[in-house]
Amino acid sequence: MESNAPSPACDCLAHRFGNAADGPDRAPCYGSDLTEAEWQVIRPLLPVPAWLQGRGGRPEGYCHRVMLDAVRYVVDNGVKWVNLPCDFPSYRRVHAFARRWQVTGLLTELHDRLRDNVRQKEGRSPDPTAAIVDSQSLRAATNIPRSTSGWDGGKKVGGRKRHLVVDCLGLVLAVAVTAASVQDRDAAVPLLERLRTMYFSIRLVWADGGYAGRLVDWAAEKLQLALEIVKRTDDTSGFVVLPRRWV
């Protein structure tokens, strides 16, 4: 059975070059904690923070591995930041860390590096040439403001809608969140624009009938993207897996 025990001295950047070594060690004990094998994969892919690049800021005083474990705990268990267990740094510190990495793009950079690593291990180029776009409407919590939620008449769901573009392995390339009332083809305009900016290698995008119409011509003319609509046949009833629509 794989051990979750950390190395005697953590090799994260905050330990090696920051002030994390001055703080207490933490032994992983939750199912959401990084295993040694996972840490060895993630460690070389972690972005270099601004303070280590000479761009200002105080050297971090908390272990990157511990902070990532704390963020994973929140995501995995769906708890409020304030309910983080006491063996992690204070929830304010963890939230500030996650927010800083989000705003500066470090979390996106880490995600993209991990995705590229998976693609290469599958024998594919890091630069995808095809993608799939789809959306899913989700019921929103009662505290979600009306200004950011709406009613999806087709799915009969009130709340928000997440729009995803994935590669042929199902790995996320781009994402957007809107009110559930926003039409797929309307949300796809800024989403595909961002996709084209981020991945100029993509030439083909598969989509369902919700994206048919003027969006197809617009994508071809403005973005040089071939938007191929995969439709259900009229004689099909019930749930059917459509080609290139489920990965």
C-alpha atoms as a PDB file:
ATOM      1  CA  MET A   1       0.000   0.000   0.000  1.00  0.00           C
ATOM      2  CA  GLU A   2       1.352   3.400  -0.973  1.00  0.00           C
ATOM      3  CA  SER A   3       2.548   5.524   1.909  1.00  0.00           C
ATOM      4  CA  ASN A   4       1.307   9.087   2.352  1.00  0.00           C
ATOM      5  CA  ALA A   5       4.173  10.013   4.627  1.00  0.00           C
ATOM      6  CA  PRO A   6       6.124  13.114   3.537  1.00  0.00           C
ATOM      7  CA  SER A   7       9.862  13.254   3.004  1.00  0.00           C
ATOM      8  CA  PRO A   8      11.872  14.281   6.083  1.00  0.00           C
ATOM      9  CA  ALA A   9      12.521  17.683   4.498  1.00  0.00           C
ATOM     10  CA  CYS A  10      10.001  18.998   1.971  1.00  0.00           C
ATOM     11  CA  ASP A  11      11.530  20.051  -1.331  1.00  0.00           C
ATOM     12  CA  CYS A  12       8.923  22.674  -2.244  1.00  0.00           C
ATOM     13  CA  LEU A  13      10.123  26.134  -3.270  1.00  0.00           C
ATOM     14  CA  ALA A  14       8.806  27.716  -0.073  1.00  0.00           C
ATOM     15  CA  HIS A  15      10.946  25.305   1.970  1.00  0.00           C
ATOM     16  CA  ARG A  16      14.062  25.604  -0.180  1.00  0.00           C
ATOM     17  CA  PHE A  17      14.061  29.345  -0.793  1.00  0.00           C
ATOM     18  CA  GLY A  18      11.342  30.814   1.423  1.00  0.00           C
ATOM     19  CA  ASN A  19      10.567  30.703   5.122  1.00  0.00           C
ATOM     20  CA  ALA A  20       8.434  27.551   5.283  1.00  0.00           C
ATOM     21  CA  ALA A  21      11.181  25.616   7.067  1.00  0.00           C
ATOM     22  CA  ASP A  22      10.624  27.839  10.106  1.00  0.00           C
ATOM     23  CA  GLY A  23       7.092  26.496  10.581  1.00  0.00           C
ATOM     24  CA  PRO A  24       5.880  23.189  12.032  1.00  0.00           C
ATOM     25  CA  ASP A  25       5.717  20.073   9.872  1.00  0.00           C
ATOM     26  CA  ARG A  26       2.367  18.471   9.056  1.00  0.00           C
ATOM     27  CA  ALA A  27       1.828  14.757   8.515  1.00  0.00           C
ATOM     28  CA  PRO A  28      -0.717  13.961   5.748  1.00  0.00           C
ATOM     29  CA  CYS A  29      -3.742  12.168   7.184  1.00  0.00           C
ATOM     30  CA  TYR A  30      -6.702  12.827   4.854  1.00  0.00           C
ATOM     31  CA  GLY A  31      -7.761  11.019   1.714  1.00  0.00           C
ATOM     32  CA  SER A  32      -7.466  14.273  -0.228  1.00  0.00           C
ATOM     33  CA  ASP A  33      -3.798  14.757   0.714  1.00  0.00           C
ATOM     34  CA  LEU A  34      -1.212  14.375  -2.019  1.00  0.00           C
ATOM     35  CA  THR A  35       0.529  11.013  -2.005  1.00  0.00           C
ATOM     36  CA  GLU A  36       4.290  10.896  -2.452  1.00  0.00           C
ATOM     37  CA  ALA A  37       3.799   9.684  -6.028  1.00  0.00           C
ATOM     38  CA  GLU A  38       1.419  12.574  -6.799  1.00  0.00           C
ATOM     39  CA  TRP A  39       3.768  15.100  -5.214  1.00  0.00           C
ATOM     40  CA  GLN A  40       6.697  13.858  -7.278  1.00  0.00           C
ATOM     41  CA  VAL A  41       4.621  14.479 -10.419  1.00  0.00           C
ATOM     42  CA  ILE A  42       3.369  17.903  -9.354  1.00  0.00           C
ATOM     43  CA  ARG A  43       6.530  19.249  -7.729  1.00  0.00           C
ATOM     44  CA  PRO A  44       8.534  19.887 -10.972  1.00  0.00           C
ATOM     45  CA  LEU A  45       5.465  21.427 -12.622  1.00  0.00           C
ATOM     46  CA  LEU A  46       4.754  24.022  -9.931  1.00  0.00           C
ATOM     47  CA  PRO A  47       5.095  27.580 -11.280  1.00  0.00           C
ATOM     48  CA  VAL A  48       7.791  29.799  -9.797  1.00  0.00           C
ATOM     49  CA  PRO A  49       6.150  32.471  -7.585  1.00  0.00           C
ATOM     50  CA  ALA A  50       6.810  36.170  -8.164  1.00  0.00           C
ATOM     51  CA  TRP A  51       8.943  36.633  -5.046  1.00  0.00           C
ATOM     52  CA  LEU A  52      11.385  34.013  -6.295  1.00  0.00           C
ATOM     53  CA  GLN A  53      11.620  35.677  -9.698  1.00  0.00           C
ATOM     54  CA  GLY A  54      12.700  38.977  -8.174  1.00  0.00           C
ATOM     55  CA  ARG A  55       9.348  40.619  -8.927  1.00  0.00           C
ATOM     56  CA  GLY A  56       8.586  41.626  -5.361  1.00  0.00           C
ATOM     57  CA  GLY A  57       6.662  40.099  -2.516  1.00  0.00           C
ATOM     58  CA  ARG A  58       7.637  38.443   0.736  1.00  0.00           C
ATOM     59  CA  PRO A  59       9.085  34.903   0.595  1.00  0.00           C
ATOM     60  CA  GLU A  60       6.304  32.495   1.489  1.00  0.00           C
ATOM     61  CA  GLY A  61       6.241  31.088   4.978  1.00  0.00           C
ATOM     62  CA  TYR A  62       3.998  28.084   4.332  1.00  0.00           C
ATOM     63  CA  CYS A  63       4.835  24.816   2.619  1.00  0.00           C
ATOM     64  CA  HIS A  64       3.379  24.633  -0.905  1.00  0.00           C
ATOM     65  CA  ARG A  65       2.512  20.978  -0.443  1.00  0.00           C
ATOM     66  CA  VAL A  66       0.574  21.704   2.749  1.00  0.00           C
ATOM     67  CA  MET A  67      -1.244  24.607   1.100  1.00  0.00           C
ATOM     68  CA  LEU A  68      -2.187  22.458  -1.897  1.00  0.00           C
ATOM     69  CA  ASP A  69      -3.407  19.746   0.484  1.00  0.00           C
ATOM     70  CA  ALA A  70      -5.586  22.348   2.210  1.00  0.00           C
ATOM     71  CA  VAL A  71      -7.095  23.543  -1.075  1.00  0.00           C
ATOM     72  CA  ARG A  72      -7.703  19.930  -2.151  1.00  0.00           C
ATOM     73  CA  TYR A  73      -9.443  19.275   1.184  1.00  0.00           C
ATOM     74  CA  VAL A  74     -11.875  22.155   0.559  1.00  0.00           C
ATOM     75  CA  VAL A  75     -12.582  21.027  -3.007  1.00  0.00           C
ATOM     76  CA  ASP A  76     -12.871  17.319  -2.157  1.00  0.00           C
ATOM     77  CA  ASN A  77     -15.108  17.743   0.881  1.00  0.00           C
ATOM     78  CA  GLY A  78     -17.097  20.790  -0.194  1.00  0.00           C
ATOM     79  CA  VAL A  79     -16.560  22.600   3.106  1.00  0.00           C
ATOM     80  CA  LYS A  80     -16.345  26.309   3.794  1.00  0.00           C
ATOM     81  CA  TRP A  81     -12.854  27.772   4.088  1.00  0.00           C
ATOM     82  CA  VAL A  82     -13.528  28.582   7.727  1.00  0.00           C
ATOM     83  CA  ASN A  83     -14.101  24.864   8.414  1.00  0.00           C
ATOM     84  CA  LEU A  84     -10.600  23.758   7.434  1.00  0.00           C
ATOM     85  CA  PRO A  85      -9.163  21.347  10.038  1.00  0.00           C
ATOM     86  CA  CYS A  86      -6.821  22.924  12.552  1.00  0.00           C
ATOM     87  CA  ASP A  87      -3.758  20.962  11.373  1.00  0.00           C
ATOM     88  CA  PHE A  88      -3.663  23.195   8.271  1.00  0.00           C
ATOM     89  CA  PRO A  89      -2.560  26.840   8.328  1.00  0.00           C
ATOM     90  CA  SER A  90      -5.333  29.306   9.140  1.00  0.00           C
ATOM     91  CA  TYR A  91      -8.139  29.352   6.592  1.00  0.00           C
ATOM     92  CA  ARG A  92      -7.402  33.019   5.859  1.00  0.00           C
ATOM     93  CA  ARG A  93      -3.843  32.115   4.859  1.00  0.00           C
ATOM     94  CA  VAL A  94      -4.991  29.196   2.721  1.00  0.00           C
ATOM     95  CA  HIS A  95      -7.707  31.247   1.019  1.00  0.00           C
ATOM     96  CA  ALA A  96      -5.248  34.074   0.347  1.00  0.00           C
ATOM     97  CA  PHE A  97      -2.793  31.559  -1.149  1.00  0.00           C
ATOM     98  CA  ALA A  98      -5.447  30.023  -3.412  1.00  0.00           C
ATOM     99  CA  ARG A  99      -6.795  33.417  -4.420  1.00  0.00           C
ATOM    100  CA  ARG A 100      -3.312  34.773  -5.188  1.00  0.00           C
ATOM    101  CA  TRP A 101      -2.440  31.771  -7.354  1.00  0.00           C
ATOM    102  CA  GLN A 102      -5.800  32.067  -9.118  1.00  0.00           C
ATOM    103  CA  VAL A 103      -5.507  35.802  -9.846  1.00  0.00           C
ATOM    104  CA  THR A 104      -1.902  35.580 -11.032  1.00  0.00           C
ATOM    105  CA  GLY A 105      -2.670  32.605 -13.282  1.00  0.00           C
ATOM    106  CA  LEU A 106      -0.455  30.143 -11.403  1.00  0.00           C
ATOM    107  CA  LEU A 107      -3.290  27.643 -10.852  1.00  0.00           C
ATOM    108  CA  THR A 108      -4.152  27.727 -14.551  1.00  0.00           C
ATOM    109  CA  GLU A 109      -0.491  27.299 -15.414  1.00  0.00           C
ATOM    110  CA  LEU A 110      -0.208  24.271 -13.110  1.00  0.00           C
ATOM    111  CA  HIS A 111      -3.385  22.742 -14.581  1.00  0.00           C
ATOM    112  CA  ASP A 112      -2.166  23.239 -18.149  1.00  0.00           C
ATOM    113  CA  ARG A 113       1.217  21.685 -17.383  1.00  0.00           C
ATOM    114  CA  LEU A 114      -0.436  18.636 -15.836  1.00  0.00           C
ATOM    115  CA  ARG A 115      -2.766  18.295 -18.829  1.00  0.00           C
ATOM    116  CA  ASP A 116       0.130  18.540 -21.292  1.00  0.00           C
ATOM    117  CA  ASN A 117       1.992  15.920 -19.264  1.00  0.00           C
ATOM    118  CA  VAL A 118      -0.970  13.510 -19.526  1.00  0.00           C
ATOM    119  CA  ARG A 119      -1.292  14.106 -23.269  1.00  0.00           C
ATOM    120  CA  GLN A 120       2.384  13.326 -23.825  1.00  0.00           C
ATOM    121  CA  LYS A 121       2.122  10.130 -21.780  1.00  0.00           C
ATOM    122  CA  GLU A 122      -0.784   9.109 -24.033  1.00  0.00           C
ATOM    123  CA  GLY A 123       1.460   9.571 -27.054  1.00  0.00           C
ATOM    124  CA  ARG A 124      -0.152  12.833 -28.141  1.00  0.00           C
ATOM    125  CA  SER A 125       1.267  16.269 -28.815  1.00  0.00           C
ATOM    126  CA  PRO A 126       0.764  18.830 -26.022  1.00  0.00           C
ATOM    127  CA  ASP A 127      -0.960  21.003 -28.641  1.00  0.00           C
ATOM    128  CA  PRO A 128      -4.418  19.587 -29.481  1.00  0.00           C
ATOM    129  CA  THR A 129      -5.835  19.901 -32.987  1.00  0.00           C
ATOM    130  CA  ALA A 130      -9.468  19.046 -32.150  1.00  0.00           C
ATOM    131  CA  ALA A 131     -11.826  19.711 -29.258  1.00  0.00           C
ATOM    132  CA  ILE A 132     -15.385  19.175 -28.003  1.00  0.00           C
ATOM    133  CA  VAL A 133     -17.653  21.888 -26.582  1.00  0.00           C
ATOM    134  CA  ASP A 134     -20.684  21.253 -24.384  1.00  0.00           C
ATOM    135  CA  SER A 135     -22.592  22.706 -21.453  1.00  0.00           C
ATOM    136  CA  GLN A 136     -24.352  21.536 -18.312  1.00  0.00           C
ATOM    137  CA  SER A 137     -26.980  23.374 -16.292  1.00  0.00           C
ATOM    138  CA  LEU A 138     -26.789  22.982 -12.525  1.00  0.00           C
ATOM    139  CA  ARG A 139     -29.222  23.905  -9.795  1.00  0.00           C
ATOM    140  CA  ALA A 140     -27.837  26.852  -7.833  1.00  0.00           C
ATOM    141  CA  ALA A 141     -27.773  27.230  -4.071  1.00  0.00           C
ATOM    142  CA  THR A 142     -30.305  29.569  -2.488  1.00  0.00           C
ATOM    143  CA  ASN A 143     -27.630  32.178  -1.702  1.00  0.00           C
ATOM    144  CA  ILE A 144     -26.635  32.617  -5.374  1.00  0.00           C
ATOM    145  CA  PRO A 145     -27.693  36.095  -6.562  1.00  0.00           C
ATOM    146  CA  ARG A 146     -30.345  36.310  -9.256  1.00  0.00           C
ATOM    147  CA  SER A 147     -28.046  38.457 -11.370  1.00  0.00           C
ATOM    148  CA  THR A 148     -25.802  35.434 -12.015  1.00  0.00           C
ATOM    149  CA  SER A 149     -28.426  32.687 -12.228  1.00  0.00           C
ATOM    150  CA  GLY A 150     -31.344  31.933 -14.538  1.00  0.00           C
ATOM    151  CA  TRP A 151     -33.765  29.324 -15.857  1.00  0.00           C
ATOM    152  CA  ASP A 152     -32.804  26.750 -18.482  1.00  0.00           C
ATOM    153  CA  GLY A 153     -36.133  26.044 -20.166  1.00  0.00           C
ATOM    154  CA  GLY A 154     -34.810  23.058 -22.079  1.00  0.00           C
ATOM    155  CA  LYS A 155     -33.314  21.248 -19.096  1.00  0.00           C
ATOM    156  CA  LYS A 156     -35.894  22.599 -16.628  1.00  0.00           C
ATOM    157  CA  VAL A 157     -33.145  23.682 -14.257  1.00  0.00           C
ATOM    158  CA  GLY A 158     -32.782  26.974 -12.436  1.00  0.00           C
ATOM    159  CA  GLY A 159     -29.263  28.078 -11.593  1.00  0.00           C
ATOM    160  CA  ARG A 160     -26.020  28.326 -13.497  1.00  0.00           C
ATOM    161  CA  LYS A 161     -24.567  26.730 -16.579  1.00  0.00           C
ATOM    162  CA  ARG A 162     -20.963  25.637 -17.065  1.00  0.00           C
ATOM    163  CA  HIS A 163     -19.571  25.623 -20.577  1.00  0.00           C
ATOM    164  CA  LEU A 164     -16.603  23.337 -21.206  1.00  0.00           C
ATOM    165  CA  VAL A 165     -14.195  22.771 -24.057  1.00  0.00           C
ATOM    166  CA  VAL A 166     -12.210  19.540 -23.709  1.00  0.00           C
ATOM    167  CA  ASP A 167      -9.720  17.672 -25.858  1.00  0.00           C
ATOM    168  CA  CYS A 168     -10.315  14.165 -27.222  1.00  0.00           C
ATOM    169  CA  LEU A 169      -9.124  12.687 -23.908  1.00  0.00           C
ATOM    170  CA  GLY A 170     -11.692  14.694 -21.959  1.00  0.00           C
ATOM    171  CA  LEU A 171      -9.062  17.051 -20.493  1.00  0.00           C
ATOM    172  CA  VAL A 172     -10.230  20.617 -19.916  1.00  0.00           C
ATOM    173  CA  LEU A 173      -9.020  23.289 -22.337  1.00  0.00           C
ATOM    174  CA  ALA A 174     -11.346  26.185 -21.491  1.00  0.00           C
ATOM    175  CA  VAL A 175     -14.304  26.798 -19.203  1.00  0.00           C
ATOM    176  CA  ALA A 176     -16.886  29.513 -18.580  1.00  0.00           C
ATOM    177  CA  VAL A 177     -19.774  29.840 -16.119  1.00  0.00           C
ATOM    178  CA  THR A 178     -22.957  31.758 -16.936  1.00  0.00           C
ATOM    179  CA  ALA A 179     -26.550  31.945 -15.825  1.00  0.00           C
ATOM    180  CA  ALA A 180     -28.459  28.841 -16.920  1.00  0.00           C
ATOM    181  CA  SER A 181     -30.656  31.038 -19.120  1.00  0.00           C
ATOM    182  CA  VAL A 182     -27.754  31.906 -21.461  1.00  0.00           C
ATOM    183  CA  GLN A 183     -28.006  30.047 -24.776  1.00  0.00           C
ATOM    184  CA  ASP A 184     -25.167  27.668 -25.634  1.00  0.00           C
ATOM    185  CA  ARG A 185     -24.344  29.409 -28.910  1.00  0.00           C
ATOM    186  CA  ASP A 186     -24.176  32.817 -27.188  1.00  0.00           C
ATOM    187  CA  ALA A 187     -21.837  31.608 -24.456  1.00  0.00           C
ATOM    188  CA  ALA A 188     -19.724  29.812 -27.067  1.00  0.00           C
ATOM    189  CA  VAL A 189     -18.668  33.061 -28.782  1.00  0.00           C
ATOM    190  CA  PRO A 190     -16.298  34.343 -26.041  1.00  0.00           C
ATOM    191  CA  LEU A 191     -15.406  30.762 -25.087  1.00  0.00           C
ATOM    192  CA  LEU A 192     -14.256  29.853 -28.614  1.00  0.00           C
ATOM    193  CA  GLU A 193     -12.463  33.195 -28.948  1.00  0.00           C
ATOM    194  CA  ARG A 194     -10.480  32.363 -25.828  1.00  0.00           C
ATOM    195  CA  LEU A 195      -9.876  28.835 -27.095  1.00  0.00           C
ATOM    196  CA  ARG A 196      -8.439  30.185 -30.350  1.00  0.00           C
ATOM    197  CA  THR A 197      -6.156  32.582 -28.436  1.00  0.00           C
ATOM    198  CA  MET A 198      -4.883  29.831 -26.137  1.00  0.00           C
ATOM    199  CA  TYR A 199      -4.598  26.975 -28.663  1.00  0.00           C
ATOM    200  CA  PHE A 200      -3.990  28.147 -32.210  1.00  0.00           C
ATOM    201  CA  SER A 201      -3.307  24.523 -33.192  1.00  0.00           C
ATOM    202  CA  ILE A 202      -7.014  23.603 -32.875  1.00  0.00           C
ATOM    203  CA  ARG A 203      -8.821  23.461 -36.199  1.00  0.00           C
ATOM    204  CA  LEU A 204     -11.911  21.325 -35.463  1.00  0.00           C
ATOM    205  CA  VAL A 205     -14.522  21.515 -32.700  1.00  0.00           C
ATOM    206  CA  TRP A 206     -17.413  19.043 -32.302  1.00  0.00           C
ATOM    207  CA  ALA A 207     -20.691  20.258 -30.804  1.00  0.00           C
ATOM    208  CA  ASP A 208     -24.330  19.214 -30.473  1.00  0.00           C
ATOM    209  CA  GLY A 209     -27.381  20.804 -32.060  1.00  0.00           C
ATOM    210  CA  GLY A 210     -27.512  23.571 -29.459  1.00  0.00           C
ATOM    211  CA  TYR A 211     -24.586  25.220 -31.229  1.00  0.00           C
ATOM    212  CA  ALA A 212     -26.018  24.994 -34.745  1.00  0.00           C
ATOM    213  CA  GLY A 213     -26.884  28.016 -36.853  1.00  0.00           C
ATOM    214  CA  ARG A 214     -25.006  31.268 -37.258  1.00  0.00           C
ATOM    215  CA  LEU A 215     -22.288  30.211 -34.809  1.00  0.00           C
ATOM    216  CA  VAL A 216     -20.939  27.703 -37.352  1.00  0.00           C
ATOM    217  CA  ASP A 217     -20.404  30.390 -39.997  1.00  0.00           C
ATOM    218  CA  TRP A 218     -19.042  32.869 -37.457  1.00  0.00           C
ATOM    219  CA  ALA A 219     -16.460  30.373 -36.143  1.00  0.00           C
ATOM    220  CA  ALA A 220     -15.279  29.586 -39.667  1.00  0.00           C
ATOM    221  CA  GLU A 221     -15.044  33.233 -40.730  1.00  0.00           C
ATOM    222  CA  LYS A 222     -13.700  34.883 -37.580  1.00  0.00           C
ATOM    223  CA  LEU A 223     -11.676  32.108 -35.939  1.00  0.00           C
ATOM    224  CA  GLN A 224     -10.878  29.722 -38.786  1.00  0.00           C
ATOM    225  CA  LEU A 225     -12.464  26.961 -36.711  1.00  0.00           C
ATOM    226  CA  ALA A 226     -14.518  24.165 -38.261  1.00  0.00           C
ATOM    227  CA  LEU A 227     -17.497  23.722 -35.926  1.00  0.00           C
ATOM    228  CA  GLU A 228     -18.968  20.305 -36.740  1.00  0.00           C
ATOM    229  CA  ILE A 229     -22.485  19.703 -35.416  1.00  0.00           C
ATOM    230  CA  VAL A 230     -23.174  16.107 -34.335  1.00  0.00           C
ATOM    231  CA  LYS A 231     -26.944  15.624 -34.369  1.00  0.00           C
ATOM    232  CA  ARG A 232     -29.241  12.881 -33.136  1.00  0.00           C
ATOM    233  CA  THR A 233     -31.146  10.947 -35.764  1.00  0.00           C
ATOM    234  CA  ASP A 234     -34.914  11.433 -35.815  1.00  0.00           C
ATOM    235  CA  ASP A 235     -35.611   7.734 -35.249  1.00  0.00           C
ATOM    236  CA  THR A 236     -33.575   7.610 -32.019  1.00  0.00           C
ATOM    237  CA  SER A 237     -35.248   7.738 -28.623  1.00  0.00           C
ATOM    238  CA  GLY A 238     -33.826   7.755 -25.124  1.00  0.00           C
ATOM    239  CA  PHE A 239     -30.177   8.199 -24.218  1.00  0.00           C
ATOM    240  CA  VAL A 240     -27.731   7.401 -26.997  1.00  0.00           C
ATOM    241  CA  VAL A 241     -23.994   8.051 -27.027  1.00  0.00           C
ATOM    242  CA  LEU A 242     -23.257  10.282 -30.014  1.00  0.00           C
ATOM    243  CA  PRO A 243     -19.930  10.091 -31.872  1.00  0.00           C
ATOM    244  CA  ARG A 244     -17.371  12.588 -30.558  1.00  0.00           C
ATOM    245  CA  ARG A 245     -19.857  13.951 -28.036  1.00  0.00           C
ATOM    246  CA  TRP A 246     -18.887  11.762 -25.067  1.00  0.00           C
ATOM    247  CA  VAL A 247     -15.270  11.262 -24.048  1.00  0.00           C
END
